[in-house]
């Protein structure tokens, strides 16, 4: 059989931008055609973007998808194009892939395995397909699958007897830490079982909480990675399928900390651009969280598009105030200093009569956080900035945050990043700049909200080296109180952590959206009732 050139075209689709996505697909076809492509493969739901959610309930939206598919067909003369789109057939809606040959739709494959866990809600919208056609092209036999189809062993067994030369899997597979390595295991297993090449074409880009890493790849019948596309950027991966050629294995590169950094960078850049913002603002305290957010924002958006507000009070230490200014100068961002003591005094005087006889407590601490939140939102309203939230997963897990205070913001970069991982991210940011834009003094200083004298996070929380592993076991692994205690943790500490997590659900319901990094993020992944009497 002659060699066949296949191009896996990973594109950054925007949900609902049918015209823009269509233009990207047509541009990708033209680009691949110039490279000699005979087959061009686009990702799952590339035409409408993923996940389209309840847009799929709008009939006009579905009809528009069909209309733009015709434009793609016109641009597909002389090549075979495979592209994902939502296909309405009578009363049934399918997550589908159009097989376009020489400008005409020759077949429509309907996804069979519909995921309905974690961030996926496909059974809410789609009907599962039922057939597994085998396609012929230039003497080759191949099968087409969509994302979840290839993740199930029973599905692989259905394909096993088909004597396939290759299997195409189009995907919108979102990133989380260690996901790329996990995917390779799945794809390798499928290739070995089917004794055929597996070609994986994945979406890339940020969509609200989700980031798609691209990382399209080709796996040999022996289960080896032999071709790989770029991670976290658009790319076209060329694969020349030749039955007489030996394909040497490519050593996979798994860089966990860098992948998290790259996912956050892409997720922020796309959220800002796709939602029409040009500039962002954040409160910079001089602590590790806000310093990391500032650094990442500059990398993702450019220093000219980032403004930092330093909002000191009488409780702000000289060291953190100095570090906050130094970080702004290191990053080259515009910054302003807005002191909050006079505003706090005005609040205190206005509330003095109502609070007579009451001792100062967390109320006065939260007032400071809410004053800062109000100031940030005032700048947002006045200048059109997007406010970046700077809270991390450890804090929001335990409710160590103030509603309408430090929880304000339109997007949370660190929302799904545990505190210990924030320190690793700081190192990645310094590495990206080639210098210590985040000083050692920030990285080594004990974390503090600085809302009262000599305050430390450990006054309210266990040490993060103890807290983060317990949170992972409870939130991500769903272990019970007793199961966590059996792992060697002190019962009183585990009870306290679980109590904080459970009692803070109402706060998380009101938190800003943020980028998914762990396998189990708050929001789409973990859905708990606010009113809940179940005891661990």
Foldseek 3Di string as FASTA:
>chain_A
DDKAKEKQWAEAAAAQPQVVLLVVLLVVLVVVVVVVHQEYEYAFQSRRDPPNPCVLVPVVSQVVSVVSVLVSLVSQARHWYKDWHWDDDPPFIFRWIFTRYRSRGPDIGGAADQDPAFLGNRVVRHDHDDDWDWDDDPNFIETEHEPVLLQDPVSLVVLQVVLGQEYEYHYADFDAFPVLVVVLVSLLVSLCSNLHKYWYHYYAFADFQTGTFGFTFIAHSNSATQWTFHTRHTDMTMDIDDPPDDGDGDDDDRDRLVNLLSRLLRNVLRVCVVVPHQAAEEEQQLALQSLLVLLSCCVNRNQARYEYEHEDEPLRDPNSSVNSVLLCVLSVHHYDYHYCHVVLVVVCVVCCVVCPPPDDDCVSLLVQQLVQLVVRVVCCVVPVHFYEQRDACLCLQLVVDHVNGSLDTQEYSRNDPQPVSSLSSQVVSCVVVVHNSSDPCNSPDADAPSSDHPGGPCVPAPPSVVRVVLCCCCQVVVDDLVVVVVVPDDSVNSQSSVVSNLQSVVVLVVGHGYHHHHSAGPDSNDDDDNDDDDDD
